[in-house]
Amino acid sequence: MAAVELTVFHVILLFWSLRTAESQVIALTGCESNCSGIEIAYPFGMTKGCFLDERFKIHCNSSSGDPTLTVNGTDLVVRSISVYSSTISVMFPIVFTNCGVKDRNTVVDLEGSPFVFSSDNYFVASGCDNLALMNQNNSAIGGCVSICDENRDPWITGCSGINCCQTRIPSNLKVFNVTMKGVDGRNGRGGEKNCRHAYLSYYGGYPSDMKDVDSVRAVLDWGIDRWVFESLVNNGSYYNLSYTSTCKDMNTSIDSTIQSPIVQCSCETGFEGNPYLSGICQGKLRRVHHSALKMAGLGMLLHFHSVYIIIEKTRDFETAALKRSRKQLTEWSIN
């Protein structure tokens, strides 16, 4: 009995090691996929031939060690890239007004790029009596007011409108352009000369003075141009009929006139990997608890001390997903 359990354990380790090796394939063959401990997954890359196009090029700074993405002239330090959710986490510059040498009004324009500001970000304004507005096409599309109260503990009030305010940003925002102006506080004192800040943040506002901080973490959604995706399918570089992944259109920008349709890809349930590498994801091993050893025609359950590994291979799911991929490709060709 012990020998049987040991053999099963070796089989489990074999499957697990194979999955681990497969999950590490995130870049094109022969391409470096790491910069200062941050994984650079395709369609991003650091050298020619390793990224889909120049807009996905990551600069691995030899002096600072930070990977950097340049979008329309703005350098954004990269903190993580996810092909699972098609997002990239970057350090986003803070806008300052009346803060001395730190005064800065950085406009970040993503038009013409495969990126949009994720609606998971917060727009945050801080400082005394600060009316901060997000603008696009000469119109305000969101904002908030931060009222000054020196008697309130900022760590208790949080970012609820006293000394700091925050709000969610609109979906598919492509331009971050902020205007700030002072408003009369509750004591009748004007706020035009007060130091004020505004920024995007994935984690929301920080109830503290931001004068010693230059940037905070924000998230961008991304995808690939539909015409690029269709050309990859047509030339065989992307296998769109794979039942392991799916691709769909991402909504376009608010009032955008130059943004082409963007496609985002993801692995189907039960699969993992980089769906942008040829469109084929790998089967995922799942751990569950059960009381019996079962074997079926389409799945195998391995038992070792009440821990099971399911090797998923469901024919019905494969057939449904394949039909869906064909239908999707047909719709795109018609449109």
C-alpha atoms as a PDB file:
ATOM      1  CA  MET A   1       0.000   0.000   0.000  1.00  0.00           C
ATOM      2  CA  ALA A   2       2.829   2.388   0.863  1.00  0.00           C
ATOM      3  CA  ALA A   3       4.468   1.652  -2.481  1.00  0.00           C
ATOM      4  CA  VAL A   4       1.230   2.487  -4.327  1.00  0.00           C
ATOM      5  CA  GLU A   5       0.863   5.771  -2.432  1.00  0.00           C
ATOM      6  CA  LEU A   6       4.507   6.637  -3.171  1.00  0.00           C
ATOM      7  CA  THR A   7       3.980   5.971  -6.878  1.00  0.00           C
ATOM      8  CA  VAL A   8       0.880   8.179  -6.919  1.00  0.00           C
ATOM      9  CA  PHE A   9       2.852  10.875  -5.136  1.00  0.00           C
ATOM     10  CA  HIS A  10       5.556  10.721  -7.811  1.00  0.00           C
ATOM     11  CA  VAL A  11       2.902  11.044 -10.527  1.00  0.00           C
ATOM     12  CA  ILE A  12       1.472  14.094  -8.788  1.00  0.00           C
ATOM     13  CA  LEU A  13       4.909  15.677  -8.570  1.00  0.00           C
ATOM     14  CA  LEU A  14       5.501  14.970 -12.265  1.00  0.00           C
ATOM     15  CA  PHE A  15       2.267  16.640 -13.353  1.00  0.00           C
ATOM     16  CA  TRP A  16       2.901  19.552 -11.005  1.00  0.00           C
ATOM     17  CA  SER A  17       6.430  20.099 -12.330  1.00  0.00           C
ATOM     18  CA  LEU A  18       5.161  19.995 -15.918  1.00  0.00           C
ATOM     19  CA  ARG A  19       2.492  22.615 -15.100  1.00  0.00           C
ATOM     20  CA  THR A  20       5.048  24.822 -13.394  1.00  0.00           C
ATOM     21  CA  ALA A  21       7.352  24.680 -16.420  1.00  0.00           C
ATOM     22  CA  GLU A  22       4.456  25.470 -18.762  1.00  0.00           C
ATOM     23  CA  SER A  23       3.254  28.418 -16.681  1.00  0.00           C
ATOM     24  CA  GLN A  24       6.665  30.050 -16.983  1.00  0.00           C
ATOM     25  CA  VAL A  25       6.299  30.490 -20.752  1.00  0.00           C
ATOM     26  CA  ILE A  26       5.156  34.115 -20.995  1.00  0.00           C
ATOM     27  CA  ALA A  27       7.406  35.559 -23.719  1.00  0.00           C
ATOM     28  CA  LEU A  28       8.428  34.666 -27.250  1.00  0.00           C
ATOM     29  CA  THR A  29      11.164  32.061 -27.643  1.00  0.00           C
ATOM     30  CA  GLY A  30      14.627  33.560 -27.138  1.00  0.00           C
ATOM     31  CA  CYS A  31      13.303  36.757 -25.515  1.00  0.00           C
ATOM     32  CA  GLU A  32      14.200  38.019 -22.048  1.00  0.00           C
ATOM     33  CA  SER A  33      11.112  38.070 -19.839  1.00  0.00           C
ATOM     34  CA  ASN A  34      12.362  39.676 -16.637  1.00  0.00           C
ATOM     35  CA  CYS A  35      13.477  43.180 -15.674  1.00  0.00           C
ATOM     36  CA  SER A  36      14.454  43.745 -12.038  1.00  0.00           C
ATOM     37  CA  GLY A  37      12.229  40.908 -10.886  1.00  0.00           C
ATOM     38  CA  ILE A  38       9.188  42.060 -12.893  1.00  0.00           C
ATOM     39  CA  GLU A  39       7.896  39.632 -15.532  1.00  0.00           C
ATOM     40  CA  ILE A  40       7.595  41.137 -19.008  1.00  0.00           C
ATOM     41  CA  ALA A  41       4.968  39.087 -20.815  1.00  0.00           C
ATOM     42  CA  TYR A  42       4.211  39.158 -24.552  1.00  0.00           C
ATOM     43  CA  PRO A  43       2.848  41.244 -26.333  1.00  0.00           C
ATOM     44  CA  PHE A  44       5.217  43.385 -24.243  1.00  0.00           C
ATOM     45  CA  GLY A  45       8.944  42.952 -24.725  1.00  0.00           C
ATOM     46  CA  MET A  46      12.279  44.720 -24.302  1.00  0.00           C
ATOM     47  CA  THR A  47      14.103  44.144 -27.581  1.00  0.00           C
ATOM     48  CA  LYS A  48      13.156  44.218 -31.245  1.00  0.00           C
ATOM     49  CA  GLY A  49      11.302  41.107 -32.275  1.00  0.00           C
ATOM     50  CA  CYS A  50      10.111  40.459 -28.714  1.00  0.00           C
ATOM     51  CA  PHE A  51       7.167  42.899 -28.569  1.00  0.00           C
ATOM     52  CA  LEU A  52       4.110  43.089 -30.801  1.00  0.00           C
ATOM     53  CA  ASP A  53       4.814  46.681 -31.870  1.00  0.00           C
ATOM     54  CA  GLU A  54       6.639  49.739 -30.518  1.00  0.00           C
ATOM     55  CA  ARG A  55       3.740  50.706 -28.256  1.00  0.00           C
ATOM     56  CA  PHE A  56       4.386  47.550 -26.196  1.00  0.00           C
ATOM     57  CA  LYS A  57       8.114  48.159 -25.834  1.00  0.00           C
ATOM     58  CA  ILE A  58       9.417  48.122 -22.268  1.00  0.00           C
ATOM     59  CA  HIS A  59      12.660  49.948 -21.500  1.00  0.00           C
ATOM     60  CA  CYS A  60      14.703  48.165 -18.834  1.00  0.00           C
ATOM     61  CA  ASN A  61      16.614  51.061 -17.259  1.00  0.00           C
ATOM     62  CA  SER A  62      20.140  49.933 -16.449  1.00  0.00           C
ATOM     63  CA  SER A  63      20.735  52.752 -13.950  1.00  0.00           C
ATOM     64  CA  SER A  64      17.516  52.679 -11.901  1.00  0.00           C
ATOM     65  CA  GLY A  65      16.627  49.096 -12.745  1.00  0.00           C
ATOM     66  CA  ASP A  66      12.988  50.061 -13.290  1.00  0.00           C
ATOM     67  CA  PRO A  67      11.104  48.852 -16.369  1.00  0.00           C
ATOM     68  CA  THR A  68       9.469  51.818 -18.115  1.00  0.00           C
ATOM     69  CA  LEU A  69       6.609  52.127 -20.591  1.00  0.00           C
ATOM     70  CA  THR A  70       6.505  55.247 -22.768  1.00  0.00           C
ATOM     71  CA  VAL A  71       3.053  56.369 -23.934  1.00  0.00           C
ATOM     72  CA  ASN A  72       2.850  59.443 -26.170  1.00  0.00           C
ATOM     73  CA  GLY A  73       5.979  60.921 -24.597  1.00  0.00           C
ATOM     74  CA  THR A  74       5.099  60.140 -20.970  1.00  0.00           C
ATOM     75  CA  ASP A  75       7.343  57.659 -19.131  1.00  0.00           C
ATOM     76  CA  LEU A  76       5.507  55.382 -16.695  1.00  0.00           C
ATOM     77  CA  VAL A  77       7.430  53.049 -14.379  1.00  0.00           C
ATOM     78  CA  VAL A  78       5.983  49.531 -14.600  1.00  0.00           C
ATOM     79  CA  ARG A  79       5.220  47.549 -11.445  1.00  0.00           C
ATOM     80  CA  SER A  80       3.463  44.524 -12.944  1.00  0.00           C
ATOM     81  CA  ILE A  81       1.972  43.170 -16.178  1.00  0.00           C
ATOM     82  CA  SER A  82      -0.973  40.765 -16.189  1.00  0.00           C
ATOM     83  CA  VAL A  83      -1.972  38.736 -19.241  1.00  0.00           C
ATOM     84  CA  TYR A  84      -4.679  37.131 -17.098  1.00  0.00           C
ATOM     85  CA  SER A  85      -6.668  40.387 -16.778  1.00  0.00           C
ATOM     86  CA  SER A  86      -4.965  42.388 -19.591  1.00  0.00           C
ATOM     87  CA  THR A  87      -3.815  45.099 -17.176  1.00  0.00           C
ATOM     88  CA  ILE A  88      -0.543  46.870 -16.454  1.00  0.00           C
ATOM     89  CA  SER A  89       0.244  48.497 -13.110  1.00  0.00           C
ATOM     90  CA  VAL A  90       2.295  51.717 -13.367  1.00  0.00           C
ATOM     91  CA  MET A  91       3.492  54.561 -11.173  1.00  0.00           C
ATOM     92  CA  PHE A  92       1.332  57.552 -12.071  1.00  0.00           C
ATOM     93  CA  PRO A  93       2.544  61.175 -11.665  1.00  0.00           C
ATOM     94  CA  ILE A  94       0.851  63.423  -9.098  1.00  0.00           C
ATOM     95  CA  VAL A  95      -0.338  66.879 -10.215  1.00  0.00           C
ATOM     96  CA  PHE A  96       0.717  69.715  -7.880  1.00  0.00           C
ATOM     97  CA  THR A  97      -0.414  73.360  -7.685  1.00  0.00           C
ATOM     98  CA  ASN A  98       0.953  76.055  -5.337  1.00  0.00           C
ATOM     99  CA  CYS A  99       3.410  73.579  -3.819  1.00  0.00           C
ATOM    100  CA  GLY A 100       6.610  75.477  -4.606  1.00  0.00           C
ATOM    101  CA  VAL A 101       9.231  73.738  -6.742  1.00  0.00           C
ATOM    102  CA  LYS A 102       7.024  70.650  -7.070  1.00  0.00           C
ATOM    103  CA  ASP A 103       4.351  72.442  -9.125  1.00  0.00           C
ATOM    104  CA  ARG A 104       3.503  70.169 -12.045  1.00  0.00           C
ATOM    105  CA  ASN A 105       0.504  69.642 -14.299  1.00  0.00           C
ATOM    106  CA  THR A 106       1.188  66.478 -16.257  1.00  0.00           C
ATOM    107  CA  VAL A 107      -1.381  65.615 -18.924  1.00  0.00           C
ATOM    108  CA  VAL A 108      -1.287  61.886 -19.683  1.00  0.00           C
ATOM    109  CA  ASP A 109      -2.783  61.199 -23.104  1.00  0.00           C
ATOM    110  CA  LEU A 110      -3.410  57.580 -24.100  1.00  0.00           C
ATOM    111  CA  GLU A 111      -5.130  58.349 -27.412  1.00  0.00           C
ATOM    112  CA  GLY A 112      -3.836  56.210 -30.252  1.00  0.00           C
ATOM    113  CA  SER A 113      -2.373  53.674 -27.822  1.00  0.00           C
ATOM    114  CA  PRO A 114      -3.726  50.233 -26.824  1.00  0.00           C
ATOM    115  CA  PHE A 115      -4.209  51.501 -23.245  1.00  0.00           C
ATOM    116  CA  VAL A 116      -7.090  53.023 -21.276  1.00  0.00           C
ATOM    117  CA  PHE A 117      -7.293  54.050 -17.634  1.00  0.00           C
ATOM    118  CA  SER A 118      -8.941  51.221 -15.710  1.00  0.00           C
ATOM    119  CA  SER A 119     -12.270  52.120 -14.107  1.00  0.00           C
ATOM    120  CA  ASP A 120     -10.912  50.395 -10.978  1.00  0.00           C
ATOM    121  CA  ASN A 121      -8.816  53.521 -10.346  1.00  0.00           C
ATOM    122  CA  TYR A 122      -9.899  56.356  -8.078  1.00  0.00           C
ATOM    123  CA  PHE A 123      -9.533  60.045  -8.880  1.00  0.00           C
ATOM    124  CA  VAL A 124      -8.154  61.633  -5.703  1.00  0.00           C
ATOM    125  CA  ALA A 125      -7.756  65.277  -4.678  1.00  0.00           C
ATOM    126  CA  SER A 126      -6.155  66.498  -1.475  1.00  0.00           C
ATOM    127  CA  GLY A 127      -5.108  69.716   0.170  1.00  0.00           C
ATOM    128  CA  CYS A 128      -7.126  72.507   1.783  1.00  0.00           C
ATOM    129  CA  ASP A 129     -10.288  73.695  -0.018  1.00  0.00           C
ATOM    130  CA  ASN A 130      -9.444  72.064  -3.311  1.00  0.00           C
ATOM    131  CA  LEU A 131     -11.911  71.721  -6.204  1.00  0.00           C
ATOM    132  CA  ALA A 132     -10.321  69.251  -8.628  1.00  0.00           C
ATOM    133  CA  LEU A 133     -11.861  68.367 -11.988  1.00  0.00           C
ATOM    134  CA  MET A 134     -11.015  65.799 -14.657  1.00  0.00           C
ATOM    135  CA  ASN A 135     -11.410  67.250 -18.147  1.00  0.00           C
ATOM    136  CA  GLN A 136     -11.725  65.788 -21.611  1.00  0.00           C
ATOM    137  CA  ASN A 137     -12.519  67.667 -24.826  1.00  0.00           C
ATOM    138  CA  ASN A 138     -12.816  70.933 -22.844  1.00  0.00           C
ATOM    139  CA  SER A 139     -15.544  69.508 -20.607  1.00  0.00           C
ATOM    140  CA  ALA A 140     -15.460  68.318 -16.994  1.00  0.00           C
ATOM    141  CA  ILE A 141     -16.220  64.594 -16.756  1.00  0.00           C
ATOM    142  CA  GLY A 142     -15.734  64.114 -13.006  1.00  0.00           C
ATOM    143  CA  GLY A 143     -14.180  65.555  -9.893  1.00  0.00           C
ATOM    144  CA  CYS A 144     -14.495  66.165  -6.154  1.00  0.00           C
ATOM    145  CA  VAL A 145     -13.963  68.795  -3.456  1.00  0.00           C
ATOM    146  CA  SER A 146     -11.540  68.516  -0.545  1.00  0.00           C
ATOM    147  CA  ILE A 147     -12.549  70.764   2.369  1.00  0.00           C
ATOM    148  CA  CYS A 148      -9.939  71.803   4.918  1.00  0.00           C
ATOM    149  CA  ASP A 149     -10.399  71.010   8.607  1.00  0.00           C
ATOM    150  CA  GLU A 150      -7.200  71.068  10.626  1.00  0.00           C
ATOM    151  CA  ASN A 151      -8.997  69.726  13.714  1.00  0.00           C
ATOM    152  CA  ARG A 152      -9.892  66.431  12.044  1.00  0.00           C
ATOM    153  CA  ASP A 153      -7.520  63.474  12.220  1.00  0.00           C
ATOM    154  CA  PRO A 154      -6.965  62.525   8.551  1.00  0.00           C
ATOM    155  CA  TRP A 155      -6.357  58.893   9.459  1.00  0.00           C
ATOM    156  CA  ILE A 156      -9.827  58.734  11.026  1.00  0.00           C
ATOM    157  CA  THR A 157     -11.785  60.662   8.400  1.00  0.00           C
ATOM    158  CA  GLY A 158      -9.978  58.911   5.553  1.00  0.00           C
ATOM    159  CA  CYS A 159     -10.565  60.305   2.077  1.00  0.00           C
ATOM    160  CA  SER A 160     -14.226  61.231   2.534  1.00  0.00           C
ATOM    161  CA  GLY A 161     -14.093  64.928   1.644  1.00  0.00           C
ATOM    162  CA  ILE A 162     -12.292  66.366   4.660  1.00  0.00           C
ATOM    163  CA  ASN A 163      -8.716  67.218   3.598  1.00  0.00           C
ATOM    164  CA  CYS A 164      -9.000  64.508   0.930  1.00  0.00           C
ATOM    165  CA  CYS A 165     -11.719  63.378  -1.499  1.00  0.00           C
ATOM    166  CA  GLN A 166     -12.020  60.594  -4.041  1.00  0.00           C
ATOM    167  CA  THR A 167     -14.358  59.249  -6.725  1.00  0.00           C
ATOM    168  CA  ARG A 168     -14.339  56.489  -9.335  1.00  0.00           C
ATOM    169  CA  ILE A 169     -13.303  57.492 -12.838  1.00  0.00           C
ATOM    170  CA  PRO A 170     -15.435  56.991 -15.975  1.00  0.00           C
ATOM    171  CA  SER A 171     -14.970  53.800 -17.981  1.00  0.00           C
ATOM    172  CA  ASN A 172     -12.611  53.832 -20.979  1.00  0.00           C
ATOM    173  CA  LEU A 173     -10.998  57.157 -20.083  1.00  0.00           C
ATOM    174  CA  LYS A 174      -8.069  57.949 -22.413  1.00  0.00           C
ATOM    175  CA  VAL A 175      -6.894  61.382 -21.226  1.00  0.00           C
ATOM    176  CA  PHE A 176      -5.975  62.481 -17.701  1.00  0.00           C
ATOM    177  CA  ASN A 177      -6.129  66.273 -17.641  1.00  0.00           C
ATOM    178  CA  VAL A 178      -6.729  67.996 -14.293  1.00  0.00           C
ATOM    179  CA  THR A 179      -7.667  71.533 -13.297  1.00  0.00           C
ATOM    180  CA  MET A 180      -7.652  72.605  -9.662  1.00  0.00           C
ATOM    181  CA  LYS A 181      -8.826  75.778  -8.016  1.00  0.00           C
ATOM    182  CA  GLY A 182      -9.365  76.974  -4.476  1.00  0.00           C
ATOM    183  CA  VAL A 183     -12.796  77.280  -2.905  1.00  0.00           C
ATOM    184  CA  ASP A 184     -13.849  79.213   0.179  1.00  0.00           C
ATOM    185  CA  GLY A 185     -13.482  77.063   3.252  1.00  0.00           C
ATOM    186  CA  ARG A 186     -16.034  76.897   6.045  1.00  0.00           C
ATOM    187  CA  ASN A 187     -14.188  79.671   7.874  1.00  0.00           C
ATOM    188  CA  GLY A 188     -14.594  81.992   4.888  1.00  0.00           C
ATOM    189  CA  ARG A 189     -10.908  81.787   3.985  1.00  0.00           C
ATOM    190  CA  GLY A 190     -10.123  81.543   0.287  1.00  0.00           C
ATOM    191  CA  GLY A 191      -8.111  78.539  -0.886  1.00  0.00           C
ATOM    192  CA  GLU A 192      -6.470  79.847  -4.059  1.00  0.00           C
ATOM    193  CA  LYS A 193      -2.990  79.964  -2.546  1.00  0.00           C
ATOM    194  CA  ASN A 194      -3.114  76.618  -0.749  1.00  0.00           C
ATOM    195  CA  CYS A 195      -0.969  73.688  -1.890  1.00  0.00           C
ATOM    196  CA  ARG A 196      -3.186  71.215  -3.744  1.00  0.00           C
ATOM    197  CA  HIS A 197      -2.682  67.782  -5.332  1.00  0.00           C
ATOM    198  CA  ALA A 198      -4.614  65.418  -7.598  1.00  0.00           C
ATOM    199  CA  TYR A 199      -3.842  61.970  -8.991  1.00  0.00           C
ATOM    200  CA  LEU A 200      -5.140  58.578 -10.070  1.00  0.00           C
ATOM    201  CA  SER A 201      -4.710  55.693  -7.652  1.00  0.00           C
ATOM    202  CA  TYR A 202      -5.725  52.045  -7.758  1.00  0.00           C
ATOM    203  CA  TYR A 203      -5.798  51.933  -3.954  1.00  0.00           C
ATOM    204  CA  GLY A 204      -7.702  55.170  -3.397  1.00  0.00           C
ATOM    205  CA  GLY A 205      -6.634  58.271  -1.512  1.00  0.00           C
ATOM    206  CA  TYR A 206      -3.913  58.665   1.074  1.00  0.00           C
ATOM    207  CA  PRO A 207      -4.953  60.855   4.060  1.00  0.00           C
ATOM    208  CA  SER A 208      -1.532  62.466   4.356  1.00  0.00           C
ATOM    209  CA  ASP A 209       0.548  65.246   2.873  1.00  0.00           C
ATOM    210  CA  MET A 210       1.592  64.221  -0.650  1.00  0.00           C
ATOM    211  CA  LYS A 211       4.349  66.829  -1.015  1.00  0.00           C
ATOM    212  CA  ASP A 212       7.025  64.187  -0.411  1.00  0.00           C
ATOM    213  CA  VAL A 213       5.574  61.767  -2.980  1.00  0.00           C
ATOM    214  CA  ASP A 214       5.994  62.037  -6.762  1.00  0.00           C
ATOM    215  CA  SER A 215       3.804  59.192  -8.001  1.00  0.00           C
ATOM    216  CA  VAL A 216       1.308  56.539  -6.895  1.00  0.00           C
ATOM    217  CA  ARG A 217       0.239  53.220  -8.355  1.00  0.00           C
ATOM    218  CA  ALA A 218      -2.503  53.180 -11.002  1.00  0.00           C
ATOM    219  CA  VAL A 219      -3.740  50.533 -13.452  1.00  0.00           C
ATOM    220  CA  LEU A 220      -4.202  50.643 -17.221  1.00  0.00           C
ATOM    221  CA  ASP A 221      -6.316  48.203 -19.208  1.00  0.00           C
ATOM    222  CA  TRP A 222      -4.810  47.127 -22.524  1.00  0.00           C
ATOM    223  CA  GLY A 223      -5.401  44.977 -25.594  1.00  0.00           C
ATOM    224  CA  ILE A 224      -4.304  44.682 -29.221  1.00  0.00           C
ATOM    225  CA  ASP A 225      -5.774  46.457 -32.245  1.00  0.00           C
ATOM    226  CA  ARG A 226      -8.479  44.414 -33.894  1.00  0.00           C
ATOM    227  CA  TRP A 227      -6.881  44.736 -37.348  1.00  0.00           C
ATOM    228  CA  VAL A 228      -3.595  43.454 -35.872  1.00  0.00           C
ATOM    229  CA  PHE A 229      -5.420  40.562 -34.215  1.00  0.00           C
ATOM    230  CA  GLU A 230      -7.206  39.657 -37.462  1.00  0.00           C
ATOM    231  CA  SER A 231      -3.920  39.690 -39.385  1.00  0.00           C
ATOM    232  CA  LEU A 232      -2.364  37.364 -36.770  1.00  0.00           C
ATOM    233  CA  VAL A 233      -5.312  34.985 -37.188  1.00  0.00           C
ATOM    234  CA  ASN A 234      -5.120  35.131 -40.987  1.00  0.00           C
ATOM    235  CA  ASN A 235      -1.385  34.409 -41.155  1.00  0.00           C
ATOM    236  CA  GLY A 236      -1.615  31.560 -38.644  1.00  0.00           C
ATOM    237  CA  SER A 237       0.299  33.295 -35.829  1.00  0.00           C
ATOM    238  CA  TYR A 238      -2.788  33.204 -33.616  1.00  0.00           C
ATOM    239  CA  TYR A 239      -4.977  30.100 -33.388  1.00  0.00           C
ATOM    240  CA  ASN A 240      -8.411  31.675 -32.866  1.00  0.00           C
ATOM    241  CA  LEU A 241     -10.237  28.332 -32.968  1.00  0.00           C
ATOM    242  CA  SER A 242      -8.525  27.110 -29.800  1.00  0.00           C
ATOM    243  CA  TYR A 243     -10.991  26.022 -27.115  1.00  0.00           C
ATOM    244  CA  THR A 244      -8.482  27.067 -24.435  1.00  0.00           C
ATOM    245  CA  SER A 245      -8.795  30.860 -24.906  1.00  0.00           C
ATOM    246  CA  THR A 246     -11.221  33.506 -26.083  1.00  0.00           C
ATOM    247  CA  CYS A 247     -10.906  37.066 -27.406  1.00  0.00           C
ATOM    248  CA  LYS A 248     -13.419  39.916 -27.383  1.00  0.00           C
ATOM    249  CA  ASP A 249     -13.659  43.602 -28.210  1.00  0.00           C
ATOM    250  CA  MET A 250     -12.884  46.113 -25.484  1.00  0.00           C
ATOM    251  CA  ASN A 251     -15.068  49.220 -25.397  1.00  0.00           C
ATOM    252  CA  THR A 252     -13.593  52.295 -27.066  1.00  0.00           C
ATOM    253  CA  SER A 253     -12.794  55.617 -25.448  1.00  0.00           C
ATOM    254  CA  ILE A 254     -15.216  58.323 -24.360  1.00  0.00           C
ATOM    255  CA  ASP A 255     -15.712  60.665 -27.345  1.00  0.00           C
ATOM    256  CA  SER A 256     -12.578  59.223 -28.950  1.00  0.00           C
ATOM    257  CA  THR A 257     -12.271  59.931 -32.653  1.00  0.00           C
ATOM    258  CA  ILE A 258      -8.947  58.238 -33.369  1.00  0.00           C
ATOM    259  CA  GLN A 259      -9.129  55.061 -31.284  1.00  0.00           C
ATOM    260  CA  SER A 260      -9.361  51.828 -33.272  1.00  0.00           C
ATOM    261  CA  PRO A 261     -11.221  48.822 -31.796  1.00  0.00           C
ATOM    262  CA  ILE A 262      -9.180  46.918 -29.218  1.00  0.00           C
ATOM    263  CA  VAL A 263      -9.268  43.147 -28.618  1.00  0.00           C
ATOM    264  CA  GLN A 264      -8.570  41.526 -25.232  1.00  0.00           C
ATOM    265  CA  CYS A 265      -7.811  37.822 -24.855  1.00  0.00           C
ATOM    266  CA  SER A 266      -8.074  35.526 -21.850  1.00  0.00           C
ATOM    267  CA  CYS A 267      -7.758  31.840 -21.015  1.00  0.00           C
ATOM    268  CA  GLU A 268     -10.966  29.866 -20.669  1.00  0.00           C
ATOM    269  CA  THR A 269     -12.019  28.429 -17.307  1.00  0.00           C
ATOM    270  CA  GLY A 270      -9.772  25.497 -16.428  1.00  0.00           C
ATOM    271  CA  PHE A 271      -6.818  26.800 -18.442  1.00  0.00           C
ATOM    272  CA  GLU A 272      -3.970  29.206 -17.729  1.00  0.00           C
ATOM    273  CA  GLY A 273      -0.949  30.775 -19.393  1.00  0.00           C
ATOM    274  CA  ASN A 274      -0.447  33.638 -21.825  1.00  0.00           C
ATOM    275  CA  PRO A 275      -3.408  33.744 -24.257  1.00  0.00           C
ATOM    276  CA  TYR A 276      -1.520  36.248 -26.448  1.00  0.00           C
ATOM    277  CA  LEU A 277       1.082  33.600 -27.301  1.00  0.00           C
ATOM    278  CA  SER A 278      -0.575  31.864 -30.277  1.00  0.00           C
ATOM    279  CA  GLY A 279      -3.958  31.751 -28.478  1.00  0.00           C
ATOM    280  CA  ILE A 280      -3.308  28.399 -26.809  1.00  0.00           C
ATOM    281  CA  CYS A 281      -3.463  28.145 -22.998  1.00  0.00           C
ATOM    282  CA  GLN A 282      -2.449  25.106 -20.961  1.00  0.00           C
ATOM    283  CA  GLY A 283      -4.683  22.840 -18.873  1.00  0.00           C
ATOM    284  CA  LYS A 284      -4.723  23.766 -15.211  1.00  0.00           C
ATOM    285  CA  LEU A 285      -4.361  21.252 -12.367  1.00  0.00           C
ATOM    286  CA  ARG A 286      -6.799  21.830  -9.553  1.00  0.00           C
ATOM    287  CA  ARG A 287      -6.537  20.563  -5.978  1.00  0.00           C
ATOM    288  CA  VAL A 288      -9.711  19.370  -4.240  1.00  0.00           C
ATOM    289  CA  HIS A 289     -10.653  17.204  -1.254  1.00  0.00           C
ATOM    290  CA  HIS A 290     -12.691  14.007  -1.738  1.00  0.00           C
ATOM    291  CA  SER A 291     -13.192  10.631  -0.064  1.00  0.00           C
ATOM    292  CA  ALA A 292     -12.829   8.203  -2.930  1.00  0.00           C
ATOM    293  CA  LEU A 293     -10.692   7.461  -5.945  1.00  0.00           C
ATOM    294  CA  LYS A 294     -12.660   7.993  -9.149  1.00  0.00           C
ATOM    295  CA  MET A 295     -11.794   7.514 -12.772  1.00  0.00           C
ATOM    296  CA  ALA A 296     -14.005   8.593 -15.680  1.00  0.00           C
ATOM    297  CA  GLY A 297     -13.584   8.589 -19.450  1.00  0.00           C
ATOM    298  CA  LEU A 298     -12.786  12.308 -19.635  1.00  0.00           C
ATOM    299  CA  GLY A 299     -11.187  12.983 -16.257  1.00  0.00           C
ATOM    300  CA  MET A 300      -8.753  11.254 -13.901  1.00  0.00           C
ATOM    301  CA  LEU A 301      -8.681  11.761 -10.166  1.00  0.00           C
ATOM    302  CA  LEU A 302      -5.481  10.936  -8.300  1.00  0.00           C
ATOM    303  CA  HIS A 303      -5.598  10.316  -4.537  1.00  0.00           C
ATOM    304  CA  PHE A 304      -2.841  10.972  -2.037  1.00  0.00           C
ATOM    305  CA  HIS A 305      -3.742  11.473   1.633  1.00  0.00           C
ATOM    306  CA  SER A 306      -7.179  13.011   0.823  1.00  0.00           C
ATOM    307  CA  VAL A 307      -5.679  15.409  -1.724  1.00  0.00           C
ATOM    308  CA  TYR A 308      -6.652  14.987  -5.339  1.00  0.00           C
ATOM    309  CA  ILE A 309      -5.421  16.454  -8.559  1.00  0.00           C
ATOM    310  CA  ILE A 310      -7.961  16.678 -11.344  1.00  0.00           C
ATOM    311  CA  ILE A 311      -6.660  16.631 -14.872  1.00  0.00           C
ATOM    312  CA  GLU A 312      -9.420  18.441 -16.719  1.00  0.00           C
ATOM    313  CA  LYS A 313     -10.290  17.580 -20.246  1.00  0.00           C
ATOM    314  CA  THR A 314     -14.007  18.075 -20.813  1.00  0.00           C
ATOM    315  CA  ARG A 315     -15.195  17.245 -24.306  1.00  0.00           C
ATOM    316  CA  ASP A 316     -18.535  19.059 -24.000  1.00  0.00           C
ATOM    317  CA  PHE A 317     -16.762  22.254 -22.905  1.00  0.00           C
ATOM    318  CA  GLU A 318     -14.305  21.919 -25.757  1.00  0.00           C
ATOM    319  CA  THR A 319     -17.094  21.563 -28.333  1.00  0.00           C
ATOM    320  CA  ALA A 320     -19.065  24.549 -27.001  1.00  0.00           C
ATOM    321  CA  ALA A 321     -16.006  26.788 -26.847  1.00  0.00           C
ATOM    322  CA  LEU A 322     -14.930  25.778 -30.357  1.00  0.00           C
ATOM    323  CA  LYS A 323     -18.365  26.663 -31.748  1.00  0.00           C
ATOM    324  CA  ARG A 324     -18.248  29.990 -29.926  1.00  0.00           C
ATOM    325  CA  SER A 325     -14.807  30.826 -31.380  1.00  0.00           C
ATOM    326  CA  ARG A 326     -15.989  30.013 -34.904  1.00  0.00           C
ATOM    327  CA  LYS A 327     -19.119  32.131 -34.447  1.00  0.00           C
ATOM    328  CA  GLN A 328     -16.988  35.026 -33.119  1.00  0.00           C
ATOM    329  CA  LEU A 329     -14.587  34.864 -36.058  1.00  0.00           C
ATOM    330  CA  THR A 330     -17.522  34.772 -38.497  1.00  0.00           C
ATOM    331  CA  GLU A 331     -19.138  37.839 -36.888  1.00  0.00           C
ATOM    332  CA  TRP A 332     -15.861  39.783 -37.087  1.00  0.00           C
ATOM    333  CA  SER A 333     -15.379  38.895 -40.734  1.00  0.00           C
ATOM    334  CA  ILE A 334     -18.927  40.138 -41.492  1.00  0.00           C
ATOM    335  CA  ASN A 335     -18.471  43.368 -39.563  1.00  0.00           C
END
